[in-house]
N, C-alpha and C. Protein backbone atom coordinates (compact mmCIF):
# COMPACT_ATOMS: atom_id res chain seq x y z
N MET A 1 99.93 106.11 108.37
CA MET A 1 99.40 107.09 107.44
C MET A 1 98.59 108.11 108.25
N LYS A 2 98.80 109.37 107.94
CA LYS A 2 98.06 110.42 108.64
C LYS A 2 96.57 110.32 108.34
N LYS A 3 95.76 110.70 109.31
CA LYS A 3 94.31 110.60 109.16
C LYS A 3 93.79 111.36 107.95
N GLU A 4 94.30 112.57 107.71
CA GLU A 4 93.80 113.35 106.57
C GLU A 4 94.16 112.69 105.24
N VAL A 5 95.31 112.05 105.18
CA VAL A 5 95.70 111.32 103.97
C VAL A 5 94.81 110.09 103.82
N LEU A 6 94.62 109.37 104.89
CA LEU A 6 93.76 108.18 104.87
C LEU A 6 92.35 108.55 104.42
N ASP A 7 91.78 109.58 105.02
CA ASP A 7 90.42 110.00 104.66
C ASP A 7 90.34 110.37 103.18
N TYR A 8 91.34 111.08 102.68
CA TYR A 8 91.38 111.49 101.28
C TYR A 8 91.44 110.27 100.36
N VAL A 9 92.33 109.33 100.68
CA VAL A 9 92.50 108.14 99.83
C VAL A 9 91.26 107.25 99.89
N VAL A 10 90.64 107.15 101.04
CA VAL A 10 89.39 106.38 101.15
C VAL A 10 88.33 107.00 100.23
N LYS A 11 88.19 108.32 100.28
CA LYS A 11 87.20 109.01 99.45
C LYS A 11 87.49 108.79 97.97
N LYS A 12 88.75 108.96 97.56
CA LYS A 12 89.12 108.79 96.15
C LYS A 12 88.98 107.33 95.72
N THR A 13 89.24 106.41 96.63
CA THR A 13 89.08 104.98 96.32
C THR A 13 87.61 104.68 96.06
N GLN A 14 86.74 105.23 96.87
CA GLN A 14 85.30 105.02 96.66
C GLN A 14 84.86 105.63 95.33
N GLU A 15 85.36 106.82 95.01
CA GLU A 15 85.04 107.44 93.71
C GLU A 15 85.51 106.55 92.56
N MET A 16 86.72 106.03 92.67
CA MET A 16 87.26 105.16 91.63
C MET A 16 86.39 103.92 91.45
N MET A 17 86.04 103.29 92.57
CA MET A 17 85.28 102.05 92.51
C MET A 17 83.87 102.26 91.95
N GLU A 18 83.31 103.45 92.13
CA GLU A 18 81.98 103.77 91.62
C GLU A 18 81.99 104.20 90.15
N ALA A 19 83.17 104.48 89.62
CA ALA A 19 83.28 104.98 88.25
C ALA A 19 82.94 103.88 87.24
N PHE A 20 82.22 104.26 86.20
CA PHE A 20 81.87 103.30 85.14
C PHE A 20 83.12 102.75 84.47
N SER A 21 84.19 103.50 84.50
CA SER A 21 85.41 103.13 83.79
C SER A 21 86.41 102.37 84.65
N CYS A 22 86.04 102.02 85.86
CA CYS A 22 86.96 101.30 86.76
C CYS A 22 87.07 99.84 86.35
N SER A 23 88.30 99.36 86.23
CA SER A 23 88.51 97.95 85.88
C SER A 23 88.16 97.06 87.07
N ALA A 24 87.87 95.82 86.78
CA ALA A 24 87.56 94.85 87.83
C ALA A 24 88.75 94.67 88.77
N GLU A 25 89.96 94.70 88.21
CA GLU A 25 91.16 94.52 89.03
C GLU A 25 91.36 95.69 89.99
N ALA A 26 91.17 96.91 89.49
CA ALA A 26 91.31 98.08 90.35
C ALA A 26 90.24 98.09 91.43
N LYS A 27 89.03 97.71 91.05
CA LYS A 27 87.93 97.67 92.02
C LYS A 27 88.23 96.65 93.12
N ALA A 28 88.73 95.48 92.74
CA ALA A 28 89.06 94.45 93.71
C ALA A 28 90.22 94.90 94.61
N ALA A 29 91.22 95.55 94.04
CA ALA A 29 92.34 96.05 94.83
C ALA A 29 91.89 97.14 95.78
N GLY A 30 91.00 97.99 95.32
CA GLY A 30 90.46 99.04 96.18
C GLY A 30 89.70 98.46 97.36
N GLN A 31 88.89 97.47 97.09
CA GLN A 31 88.12 96.85 98.17
C GLN A 31 89.03 96.12 99.15
N ALA A 32 90.04 95.42 98.63
CA ALA A 32 90.99 94.72 99.50
C ALA A 32 91.72 95.72 100.40
N TRP A 33 92.09 96.87 99.82
CA TRP A 33 92.77 97.89 100.62
C TRP A 33 91.83 98.47 101.67
N LEU A 34 90.61 98.80 101.28
CA LEU A 34 89.64 99.33 102.24
C LEU A 34 89.41 98.35 103.38
N ASP A 35 89.32 97.05 103.05
CA ASP A 35 89.10 96.03 104.06
C ASP A 35 90.30 95.90 105.02
N ALA A 36 91.49 96.24 104.53
CA ALA A 36 92.71 96.09 105.34
C ALA A 36 93.03 97.32 106.19
N VAL A 37 92.39 98.45 105.90
CA VAL A 37 92.67 99.68 106.65
C VAL A 37 92.41 99.43 108.14
N GLY A 38 93.39 99.80 108.95
CA GLY A 38 93.26 99.64 110.39
C GLY A 38 93.60 98.25 110.91
N THR A 39 94.06 97.38 110.02
CA THR A 39 94.43 96.03 110.42
C THR A 39 95.94 95.85 110.27
N GLY A 40 96.42 94.71 110.65
CA GLY A 40 97.83 94.38 110.49
C GLY A 40 98.24 94.19 109.04
N ARG A 41 97.27 94.10 108.15
CA ARG A 41 97.55 93.91 106.72
C ARG A 41 97.60 95.23 105.95
N GLU A 42 97.35 96.33 106.62
CA GLU A 42 97.23 97.62 105.92
C GLU A 42 98.47 97.97 105.10
N ALA A 43 99.66 97.87 105.68
CA ALA A 43 100.88 98.26 104.96
C ALA A 43 101.09 97.39 103.72
N GLN A 44 100.89 96.09 103.88
CA GLN A 44 101.07 95.17 102.75
C GLN A 44 100.03 95.45 101.66
N GLU A 45 98.78 95.65 102.04
CA GLU A 45 97.72 95.92 101.07
C GLU A 45 97.91 97.29 100.41
N THR A 46 98.48 98.23 101.14
CA THR A 46 98.75 99.55 100.55
C THR A 46 99.75 99.40 99.42
N GLU A 47 100.80 98.62 99.62
CA GLU A 47 101.79 98.39 98.57
C GLU A 47 101.15 97.70 97.37
N ARG A 48 100.33 96.69 97.61
CA ARG A 48 99.65 95.98 96.52
C ARG A 48 98.70 96.91 95.76
N TYR A 49 97.98 97.73 96.52
CA TYR A 49 97.02 98.66 95.95
C TYR A 49 97.72 99.66 95.04
N ILE A 50 98.79 100.24 95.52
CA ILE A 50 99.53 101.21 94.72
C ILE A 50 100.06 100.55 93.44
N ALA A 51 100.59 99.35 93.56
CA ALA A 51 101.10 98.64 92.38
C ALA A 51 99.98 98.42 91.36
N GLU A 52 98.80 98.05 91.81
CA GLU A 52 97.67 97.84 90.90
C GLU A 52 97.26 99.16 90.25
N LEU A 53 97.20 100.22 91.02
CA LEU A 53 96.82 101.52 90.46
C LEU A 53 97.83 101.99 89.41
N GLU A 54 99.10 101.80 89.70
CA GLU A 54 100.14 102.19 88.74
C GLU A 54 100.04 101.38 87.45
N ALA A 55 99.62 100.13 87.57
CA ALA A 55 99.46 99.28 86.39
C ALA A 55 98.21 99.63 85.60
N ASP A 56 97.18 100.11 86.29
CA ASP A 56 95.88 100.34 85.65
C ASP A 56 95.69 101.73 85.06
N ILE A 57 96.35 102.74 85.59
CA ILE A 57 96.11 104.09 85.09
C ILE A 57 96.57 104.17 83.62
N MET A 58 95.75 104.80 82.81
CA MET A 58 96.01 104.83 81.36
C MET A 58 96.81 106.08 80.97
N PRO A 59 98.08 105.90 80.56
CA PRO A 59 98.84 107.04 80.05
C PRO A 59 98.13 107.64 78.83
N ILE A 60 98.22 108.93 78.69
CA ILE A 60 97.49 109.62 77.63
C ILE A 60 97.86 109.11 76.25
N ASP A 61 99.12 108.82 75.99
CA ASP A 61 99.52 108.32 74.67
C ASP A 61 98.92 106.94 74.40
N THR A 62 98.78 106.14 75.43
CA THR A 62 98.15 104.82 75.28
C THR A 62 96.67 104.99 74.96
N LEU A 63 96.03 105.93 75.62
CA LEU A 63 94.62 106.20 75.33
C LEU A 63 94.43 106.64 73.88
N ILE A 64 95.28 107.54 73.42
CA ILE A 64 95.18 108.03 72.04
C ILE A 64 95.36 106.87 71.07
N ALA A 65 96.39 106.07 71.28
CA ALA A 65 96.65 104.94 70.40
C ALA A 65 95.48 103.96 70.41
N PHE A 66 94.93 103.68 71.59
CA PHE A 66 93.80 102.76 71.68
C PHE A 66 92.57 103.32 70.99
N ALA A 67 92.29 104.59 71.24
CA ALA A 67 91.10 105.20 70.65
C ALA A 67 91.17 105.21 69.13
N GLU A 68 92.36 105.29 68.59
CA GLU A 68 92.52 105.32 67.14
C GLU A 68 92.68 103.93 66.52
N SER A 69 92.56 102.90 67.34
CA SER A 69 92.73 101.52 66.85
C SER A 69 91.39 100.85 66.59
N GLU A 70 91.46 99.67 65.97
CA GLU A 70 90.25 98.87 65.76
C GLU A 70 89.62 98.49 67.11
N GLY A 71 90.47 98.18 68.07
CA GLY A 71 89.98 97.83 69.41
C GLY A 71 89.21 98.98 70.04
N GLY A 72 89.72 100.18 69.85
CA GLY A 72 89.03 101.36 70.37
C GLY A 72 87.68 101.55 69.71
N GLU A 73 87.64 101.31 68.43
CA GLU A 73 86.37 101.44 67.70
C GLU A 73 85.36 100.41 68.19
N LYS A 74 85.84 99.22 68.51
CA LYS A 74 84.95 98.17 69.02
C LYS A 74 84.40 98.55 70.40
N VAL A 75 85.23 99.18 71.22
CA VAL A 75 84.81 99.55 72.58
C VAL A 75 83.92 100.78 72.56
N PHE A 76 84.36 101.82 71.84
CA PHE A 76 83.67 103.11 71.88
C PHE A 76 82.63 103.30 70.78
N GLY A 77 82.77 102.55 69.70
CA GLY A 77 81.91 102.77 68.53
C GLY A 77 82.59 103.71 67.56
N ALA A 78 82.16 103.68 66.31
CA ALA A 78 82.84 104.41 65.24
C ALA A 78 82.90 105.92 65.49
N GLU A 79 81.82 106.52 65.90
CA GLU A 79 81.81 107.97 66.10
C GLU A 79 82.46 108.37 67.43
N LYS A 80 82.13 107.66 68.48
CA LYS A 80 82.65 108.01 69.81
C LYS A 80 84.16 107.87 69.88
N THR A 81 84.72 106.91 69.15
CA THR A 81 86.17 106.72 69.19
C THR A 81 86.91 107.95 68.66
N LYS A 82 86.33 108.62 67.68
CA LYS A 82 86.92 109.86 67.16
C LYS A 82 86.87 110.95 68.22
N GLU A 83 85.77 111.03 68.94
CA GLU A 83 85.63 112.02 70.01
C GLU A 83 86.63 111.75 71.14
N VAL A 84 86.78 110.49 71.50
CA VAL A 84 87.71 110.12 72.57
C VAL A 84 89.13 110.48 72.16
N ALA A 85 89.51 110.14 70.94
CA ALA A 85 90.86 110.45 70.46
C ALA A 85 91.09 111.95 70.43
N ALA A 86 90.13 112.70 69.93
CA ALA A 86 90.27 114.16 69.85
C ALA A 86 90.37 114.76 71.26
N HIS A 87 89.55 114.28 72.17
CA HIS A 87 89.59 114.77 73.55
C HIS A 87 90.95 114.46 74.18
N ALA A 88 91.43 113.24 73.97
CA ALA A 88 92.71 112.84 74.55
C ALA A 88 93.85 113.71 74.01
N LYS A 89 93.82 114.00 72.74
CA LYS A 89 94.85 114.86 72.15
C LYS A 89 94.75 116.28 72.72
N GLU A 90 93.55 116.72 72.94
CA GLU A 90 93.33 118.06 73.50
C GLU A 90 93.88 118.17 74.93
N ILE A 91 93.57 117.18 75.76
CA ILE A 91 94.06 117.26 77.14
C ILE A 91 95.57 117.01 77.21
N LYS A 92 96.09 116.21 76.27
CA LYS A 92 97.55 116.02 76.22
C LYS A 92 98.22 117.35 75.90
N ALA A 93 97.68 118.07 74.93
CA ALA A 93 98.24 119.38 74.57
C ALA A 93 98.21 120.35 75.74
N ALA A 94 97.23 120.16 76.62
CA ALA A 94 97.11 121.01 77.80
C ALA A 94 97.99 120.52 78.96
N GLY A 95 98.71 119.41 78.76
CA GLY A 95 99.63 118.92 79.77
C GLY A 95 99.25 117.65 80.49
N ALA A 96 98.10 117.06 80.14
CA ALA A 96 97.68 115.83 80.82
C ALA A 96 98.66 114.69 80.54
N LYS A 97 98.92 113.91 81.58
CA LYS A 97 99.77 112.73 81.43
C LYS A 97 98.96 111.45 81.35
N TYR A 98 97.71 111.52 81.85
CA TYR A 98 96.87 110.34 81.93
C TYR A 98 95.47 110.63 81.40
N CYS A 99 94.76 109.56 81.12
CA CYS A 99 93.34 109.62 80.77
C CYS A 99 92.63 110.38 81.88
N ASP A 100 91.57 111.09 81.52
CA ASP A 100 90.83 111.83 82.55
C ASP A 100 89.44 111.26 82.81
N CYS A 101 89.23 109.99 82.47
CA CYS A 101 87.95 109.36 82.81
C CYS A 101 87.84 109.36 84.34
N PRO A 102 86.65 109.16 84.88
CA PRO A 102 86.49 109.21 86.34
C PRO A 102 87.41 108.26 87.11
N ALA A 103 87.61 107.06 86.62
CA ALA A 103 88.47 106.12 87.34
C ALA A 103 89.92 106.57 87.30
N CYS A 104 90.42 106.93 86.13
CA CYS A 104 91.82 107.37 86.02
C CYS A 104 92.06 108.66 86.80
N ALA A 105 91.10 109.56 86.79
CA ALA A 105 91.25 110.81 87.55
C ALA A 105 91.37 110.51 89.04
N ALA A 106 90.57 109.58 89.54
CA ALA A 106 90.65 109.21 90.96
C ALA A 106 91.98 108.52 91.25
N VAL A 107 92.42 107.65 90.36
CA VAL A 107 93.70 106.96 90.55
C VAL A 107 94.84 107.97 90.56
N GLU A 108 94.83 108.91 89.64
CA GLU A 108 95.89 109.92 89.60
C GLU A 108 95.92 110.70 90.92
N ALA A 109 94.75 111.04 91.44
CA ALA A 109 94.68 111.77 92.71
C ALA A 109 95.22 110.93 93.86
N ILE A 110 94.95 109.64 93.85
CA ILE A 110 95.47 108.75 94.89
C ILE A 110 96.99 108.66 94.79
N LEU A 111 97.49 108.48 93.58
CA LEU A 111 98.93 108.30 93.40
C LEU A 111 99.74 109.54 93.78
N VAL A 112 99.11 110.70 93.76
CA VAL A 112 99.79 111.92 94.24
C VAL A 112 100.16 111.75 95.71
N LYS A 113 99.38 110.97 96.43
CA LYS A 113 99.58 110.74 97.87
C LYS A 113 100.41 109.48 98.15
N LYS A 114 100.97 108.87 97.12
CA LYS A 114 101.68 107.60 97.25
C LYS A 114 102.73 107.62 98.36
N ASP A 115 103.61 108.60 98.35
CA ASP A 115 104.67 108.64 99.37
C ASP A 115 104.11 108.75 100.78
N GLU A 116 103.05 109.54 100.94
CA GLU A 116 102.43 109.68 102.25
C GLU A 116 101.72 108.40 102.66
N MET A 117 101.20 107.66 101.69
CA MET A 117 100.54 106.39 101.99
C MET A 117 101.55 105.35 102.48
N LEU A 118 102.75 105.41 101.95
CA LEU A 118 103.76 104.41 102.27
C LEU A 118 104.59 104.75 103.50
N SER A 119 104.43 105.97 104.02
CA SER A 119 105.26 106.36 105.17
C SER A 119 104.60 106.03 106.49
């Protein structure tokens, strides 16, 4: 992996891991990848990391459906869930494919570099 790609992904990984919205699984995968950088395990951990990120990033339609569900209301609260759903519909109309919370935004930025990470 080129140094500029590595530096970028390291930075975005740290942003993802610091995000309030980062799942425990993504955080663990990020740390495992960071720990493997520069070792013989880097290529294998990169593949695992990408697979975890692809599984964790929230597609915008899934976010909308969740925000409008009972589960969404339990997570966000009655008023906030309406705001989340409205925001998600707004960004979808503007072309967003994924949730734009800090963790998902960092994951989306990392996945843009997927091919360069794997080469």
